[in-house]
Amino acid sequence: MYLQRLQLHNFRNYANLDVTFSPQVNVLLGANAQGKTNLLEAIYVLALARSHRTNSDRELIRWHHDFARISGQVVRQVGTLPLELVISKKGKKARVNHLEQARLSQYVGNFNVILFAPEDLALVKGSPSIRRRFIDMEYGQVNPQYLYASTQYRQVLKQRNKYLRQLQLHQAQDLVYLAVLSEQLATLGAQIIVARAAFVMRMQKWAAQLHQQITKQSEQLTLHYVTQVDENTIAKGVVAVQQCLQQLYEQQQTREIERGTTLIGPHHDDIAFMINGNNVQIYGSQGQQRTTALSVKLAEIELMHEQTGEYPVLLLDDVLSELDPLRQTHLLKTIQNKVQTFLTTPSLDDIVKKLINQPLIFQVAHGTLTKEENND
């Protein structure tokens, strides 16, 4: 799939924009604070109905305006699909093929994107919450059931934590209600854990191959899903995991009430990255950590293709400056003629110019795009 056309109205620093893109490589050149990252963010929001930069929708709306609109024409194997997202103080309205969607979970998945930004290098060395969010955002695009379960899980978790705090402060004492919330959380948590474990296993297959290519067969990368439920129980399926979680909630009930928070469940899970048997987060060099992050992001491309039958759109937000020439070369060769790519950079160096085949280049300044004259 690829994004053929993008229209913005009152999004960030874009008053109005109507632009047609190349199905191959689109380069956005310009100084900082001109709108390069804002444009990638708009594409990301069009796909996932949420930003990767902020949790406040108000920040997406141009200053002194009441709403923002993002519209796109996405070309898929089945034909061209119009998408539209309107963001206002009242919330979001999403349309697919001009039909309004009742839930955003029905909208997400029609257009798949993968973002690779400098902060994604923190995927390996950052906190577990970064890796959990990585799974939720990427797997949620291709599995609506997972997206719905994870959304519901967060809501029930919030309710349960609130009630645990009430029990902790002796403002409540009904343990039957706590048991009801525990059962609901165990049901949703089991679905999430089983799905995440399968996702990480499939990711491992692609990431290991890519990592060996980058390191010229010198390193073996493995991924492990780290959870409070053992692997044998996960292998038995959702029902077994649900029963395990409920037992853990019963065992930890007193401790959870004392702490006033939920101590068990997928909101505590993580991914461990191992190179030749050693934990990269703890023992890996900066180069190994960056190679691991690159391998995982490139593995996403293949995994989405495997899941949907189509390649996603790749957004590279000033990431080339963070990679050495070897990793730059591998990244650009891997995506060449395979996925539509949007690349932001202050300037194109000689390495990139040699590796990108006929890019469509835009100059970005003050929220406007100008196509370079030497483009065909």
Foldseek 3Di string as FASTA:
>chain_A
DAWQWKWKDQFQLANIDIDGFDQAEEEEAEDPPQCQVSVVQLVVCQQQVQGPPDPDLVNGGHPPDFKMKMWTWDQDPVGTKIWMWMQGPVGIWIDINNHTDPDSLVVHQPADEFEDEPCLLCCQQPDQLSVVVVCQRLVSRLDSVLVVLVVVLVVLQVVLLVVLQCLLVVVDDDVVVNLVSQLSNLLSQLVNVLVSQVVQVLLQVQLQVLLCVLVVNPKGKGKGKFFPDDPVQSVVGSVSSSVVSSVVCVVCVVVCSNVSHDPHGPSPIGMFMDIPRHTCNPPNDSVVSSSSSLSSSLSSQVVVCVSPVAGHEYEYEQCLVVDDLSSNLSNLVSRGPHGYYYHYDNDDDPSNVVRHDQYFYWYGGSNYTDTDPPHD
